[in-house]
Amino acid sequence: MRRIAFWSPKGGVGKTTLALNFAASAYYAGHKVIVCDLDPQQSAVDIFNENQLPFSVVPNMPQVMPNVDFLICDYAPSMDLLPTEETIILPMRASILDLKSVGRITRLLRNKRIIKCVNGIDTRRQDERMIGMQLYSEGAQLIKDRSIYVSSMGKGQTVFQQKSYGSKDAQGEINRLLHRVLNPKA
C-alpha cells in the first residue's frame, strides 16, 4: 500500500481538491483508493457525502488499515501535526510567502519523499508564471488555475467525472502527478 499525504502548513493552497482529484486519477487507473480526511473542517467528507465520488472518503485514520493500493491523507494546514506517510505532496501557491514557508518546513520532513506541487497558477500573471517556472525547473509539479477544479467540487465530483471545457487538461495535470508518485525516478 502506498501512503500519500497532502499536507502544507498554509491554508488555501488546494490540498483537498488535489487529494480528491489525485484519488480519482488513481481510481480510474485501476487502483483501489481510500481518502482519509484528517482536517477538522472535513471538506473531503462533505464532498463524498454528495454520493458521486467513485471511491471512499473516511473521517480520520481508520483503526484497521484497509486493503487498498493508495491510502491518501488530506491533512489540515498546521505545523503541529507533521505527516508520517512516506510520500508527501506539498501543495503551494506561486507566491513569495509560500516559497518562504515551504523552504522552512521541508527541513522538518527528513527521510520523506516530498513532491512540491505549485497549485492554481494563473499563467497570465507574470510573477506567478516566473515563480512557477523556477519551481518547475527544480522539479515541482505545476497545476494551472482552472475553473473545472472549482466547478467539479461544486458538483461533488472530480475532474475525471467531467466532460466540460478544461477537464481533459486538468486530468492530464493530475495524471502527471500520479505518474510521478508511481515512478519515483521520473
Protein backbone atom coordinates (compact mmCIF):
# COMPACT_ATOMS: atom_id res chain seq x y z
CA MET A 1 0.00 0.00 0.00
CA ARG A 2 1.25 3.47 -0.90
CA ARG A 3 0.62 6.06 1.78
CA ILE A 4 0.38 9.58 0.37
CA ALA A 5 -0.05 12.78 2.40
CA PHE A 6 -1.41 16.03 1.01
CA TRP A 7 -0.02 18.50 3.53
CA SER A 8 1.06 22.10 3.85
CA PRO A 9 1.34 24.39 6.84
CA LYS A 10 -0.54 27.03 4.84
CA GLY A 11 -4.28 27.03 4.30
CA GLY A 12 -5.96 27.76 0.99
CA VAL A 13 -3.41 26.00 -1.21
CA GLY A 14 -5.82 23.39 -2.57
CA LYS A 15 -4.89 20.31 -0.55
CA THR A 16 -8.38 18.80 -0.54
CA THR A 17 -9.07 19.50 -4.21
CA LEU A 18 -5.73 17.95 -5.17
CA ALA A 19 -6.19 14.96 -2.84
CA LEU A 20 -9.64 14.12 -4.22
CA ASN A 21 -8.58 14.55 -7.84
CA PHE A 22 -5.41 12.52 -7.23
CA ALA A 23 -7.57 9.77 -5.69
CA ALA A 24 -9.78 9.82 -8.79
CA SER A 25 -6.74 9.59 -11.06
CA ALA A 26 -5.51 6.53 -9.17
CA TYR A 27 -9.02 5.01 -9.11
CA TYR A 28 -9.54 5.42 -12.86
CA ALA A 29 -6.06 3.95 -13.44
CA GLY A 30 -7.34 0.75 -11.80
CA HIS A 31 -6.12 1.19 -8.22
CA LYS A 32 -8.11 0.67 -5.00
CA VAL A 33 -8.20 4.01 -3.18
CA ILE A 34 -9.38 5.47 0.11
CA VAL A 35 -9.05 9.07 1.27
CA CYS A 36 -8.66 9.85 4.97
CA ASP A 37 -9.89 13.35 5.81
CA LEU A 38 -7.68 14.47 8.70
CA ASP A 39 -8.78 18.11 8.55
CA PRO A 40 -11.29 19.18 11.24
CA GLN A 41 -13.22 21.06 8.53
CA GLN A 42 -13.97 17.66 6.91
CA SER A 43 -14.31 19.18 3.42
CA ALA A 44 -13.39 15.92 1.67
CA VAL A 45 -16.06 14.09 3.68
CA ASP A 46 -18.58 16.78 2.71
CA ILE A 47 -17.83 16.22 -0.99
CA PHE A 48 -18.03 12.43 -0.51
CA ASN A 49 -21.41 12.75 1.22
CA GLU A 50 -22.86 14.03 -2.04
CA ASN A 51 -22.61 10.37 -3.18
CA GLN A 52 -20.89 10.97 -6.51
CA LEU A 53 -17.27 10.02 -5.86
CA PRO A 54 -16.28 6.55 -7.09
CA PHE A 55 -14.02 5.91 -4.07
CA SER A 56 -14.45 6.17 -0.30
CA VAL A 57 -13.57 9.08 1.95
CA VAL A 58 -13.45 8.47 5.69
CA PRO A 59 -13.12 10.90 8.58
CA ASN A 60 -9.81 10.37 10.39
CA MET A 61 -7.39 7.47 10.04
CA PRO A 62 -9.01 4.01 10.05
CA GLN A 63 -8.25 1.83 13.08
CA VAL A 64 -7.73 -1.15 10.78
CA MET A 65 -5.77 -0.48 7.63
CA PRO A 66 -7.92 -1.14 4.58
CA ASN A 67 -6.90 -3.40 1.70
CA VAL A 68 -6.18 -0.65 -0.83
CA ASP A 69 -3.40 0.35 -3.19
CA PHE A 70 -3.47 4.01 -2.09
CA LEU A 71 -4.17 5.45 1.35
CA ILE A 72 -4.42 9.19 0.71
CA CYS A 73 -4.38 11.50 3.72
CA ASP A 74 -5.75 15.04 3.46
CA TYR A 75 -4.14 16.96 6.34
CA ALA A 76 -5.20 20.19 8.00
CA PRO A 77 -2.92 23.19 7.49
CA SER A 78 -0.73 23.02 10.58
CA MET A 79 2.79 22.67 11.87
CA ASP A 80 1.53 20.79 14.93
CA LEU A 81 0.87 17.52 13.12
CA LEU A 82 3.55 16.54 10.63
CA PRO A 83 2.68 13.75 8.19
CA THR A 84 4.00 10.26 8.81
CA GLU A 85 3.40 8.99 5.26
CA GLU A 86 6.42 8.14 3.12
CA THR A 87 5.36 10.42 0.25
CA ILE A 88 4.20 13.99 0.83
CA ILE A 89 2.54 16.06 -1.86
CA LEU A 90 3.25 19.62 -0.75
CA PRO A 91 0.76 21.99 -2.41
CA MET A 92 1.73 25.64 -2.55
CA ARG A 93 0.84 28.79 -4.44
CA ALA A 94 3.23 30.65 -6.71
CA SER A 95 3.90 33.40 -4.17
CA ILE A 96 6.90 34.59 -2.21
CA LEU A 97 5.11 33.86 1.09
CA ASP A 98 4.58 30.23 0.12
CA LEU A 99 8.18 29.91 -1.06
CA LYS A 100 9.49 31.09 2.32
CA SER A 101 7.09 28.84 4.25
CA VAL A 102 7.89 25.76 2.16
CA GLY A 103 11.62 26.42 2.45
CA ARG A 104 11.39 26.34 6.25
CA ILE A 105 9.21 23.26 6.54
CA THR A 106 11.00 20.97 4.12
CA ARG A 107 13.88 20.86 6.59
CA LEU A 108 11.49 19.31 9.16
CA LEU A 109 10.49 16.46 6.87
CA ARG A 110 13.61 14.35 6.81
CA ASN A 111 13.59 10.90 5.18
CA LYS A 112 10.37 11.67 3.31
CA ARG A 113 9.76 11.90 -0.40
CA ILE A 114 8.46 15.41 -0.95
CA ILE A 115 6.81 16.41 -4.21
CA LYS A 116 6.24 20.14 -4.40
CA CYS A 117 3.08 20.95 -6.30
CA VAL A 118 2.58 24.56 -7.37
CA ASN A 119 -1.19 24.80 -7.49
CA GLY A 120 -3.56 27.27 -9.09
CA ILE A 121 -1.04 29.08 -11.29
CA ASP A 122 -2.54 31.91 -13.30
CA THR A 123 -0.18 31.92 -16.27
CA ARG A 124 -1.45 35.35 -17.34
CA ARG A 125 0.29 36.85 -14.32
CA GLN A 126 3.99 37.27 -14.90
CA ASP A 127 5.02 36.93 -11.24
CA GLU A 128 3.18 33.61 -10.86
CA ARG A 129 4.45 32.35 -14.20
CA MET A 130 8.07 33.18 -13.27
CA ILE A 131 7.86 31.57 -9.82
CA GLY A 132 6.10 28.54 -11.31
CA MET A 133 8.74 28.08 -13.98
CA GLN A 134 11.55 28.42 -11.44
CA LEU A 135 9.98 25.76 -9.22
CA TYR A 136 9.26 23.55 -12.23
CA SER A 137 12.95 23.71 -13.17
CA GLU A 138 13.67 22.49 -9.63
CA GLY A 139 11.31 19.52 -10.03
CA ALA A 140 7.94 20.83 -8.85
CA GLN A 141 4.69 19.72 -10.44
CA LEU A 142 2.52 22.51 -11.89
CA ILE A 143 -1.27 22.74 -11.74
CA LYS A 144 -2.87 25.64 -13.59
CA ASP A 145 -5.71 27.77 -12.27
CA ARG A 146 -8.68 26.10 -13.98
CA SER A 147 -12.36 26.70 -13.28
CA ILE A 148 -13.04 22.99 -13.85
CA TYR A 149 -11.47 22.20 -10.46
CA VAL A 150 -13.89 24.52 -8.68
CA SER A 151 -16.96 23.54 -10.70
CA SER A 152 -16.36 19.80 -10.28
CA MET A 153 -16.01 20.15 -6.48
CA GLY A 154 -19.23 22.20 -6.50
CA LYS A 155 -20.97 19.20 -8.10
CA GLY A 156 -19.46 16.77 -5.59
CA GLN A 157 -17.25 15.27 -8.28
CA THR A 158 -13.70 15.31 -9.60
CA VAL A 159 -12.37 16.49 -12.95
CA PHE A 160 -12.30 12.83 -14.02
CA GLN A 161 -16.09 12.74 -13.93
CA GLN A 162 -16.44 15.84 -16.13
CA LYS A 163 -16.64 16.22 -19.88
CA SER A 164 -16.73 20.02 -19.97
CA TYR A 165 -14.16 22.57 -21.13
CA GLY A 166 -10.81 22.14 -19.40
CA SER A 167 -11.48 18.69 -17.99
CA LYS A 168 -9.01 16.87 -20.28
CA ASP A 169 -6.23 19.35 -19.49
CA ALA A 170 -6.94 19.11 -15.76
CA GLN A 171 -6.99 15.31 -15.95
CA GLY A 172 -3.62 15.40 -17.68
CA GLU A 173 -2.12 17.53 -14.91
CA ILE A 174 -3.34 15.19 -12.19
CA ASN A 175 -2.34 12.09 -14.15
CA ARG A 176 1.21 13.50 -14.40
CA LEU A 177 1.23 13.85 -10.61
CA LEU A 178 0.11 10.22 -10.24
CA HIS A 179 2.79 9.13 -12.71
CA ARG A 180 5.39 10.97 -10.63
CA VAL A 181 4.27 9.17 -7.48
CA LEU A 182 4.26 5.79 -9.20
CA ASN A 183 7.64 6.36 -10.86
CA PRO A 184 10.00 7.97 -8.35
CA LYS A 185 12.81 8.32 -10.86
CA ALA A 186 10.61 10.07 -13.45
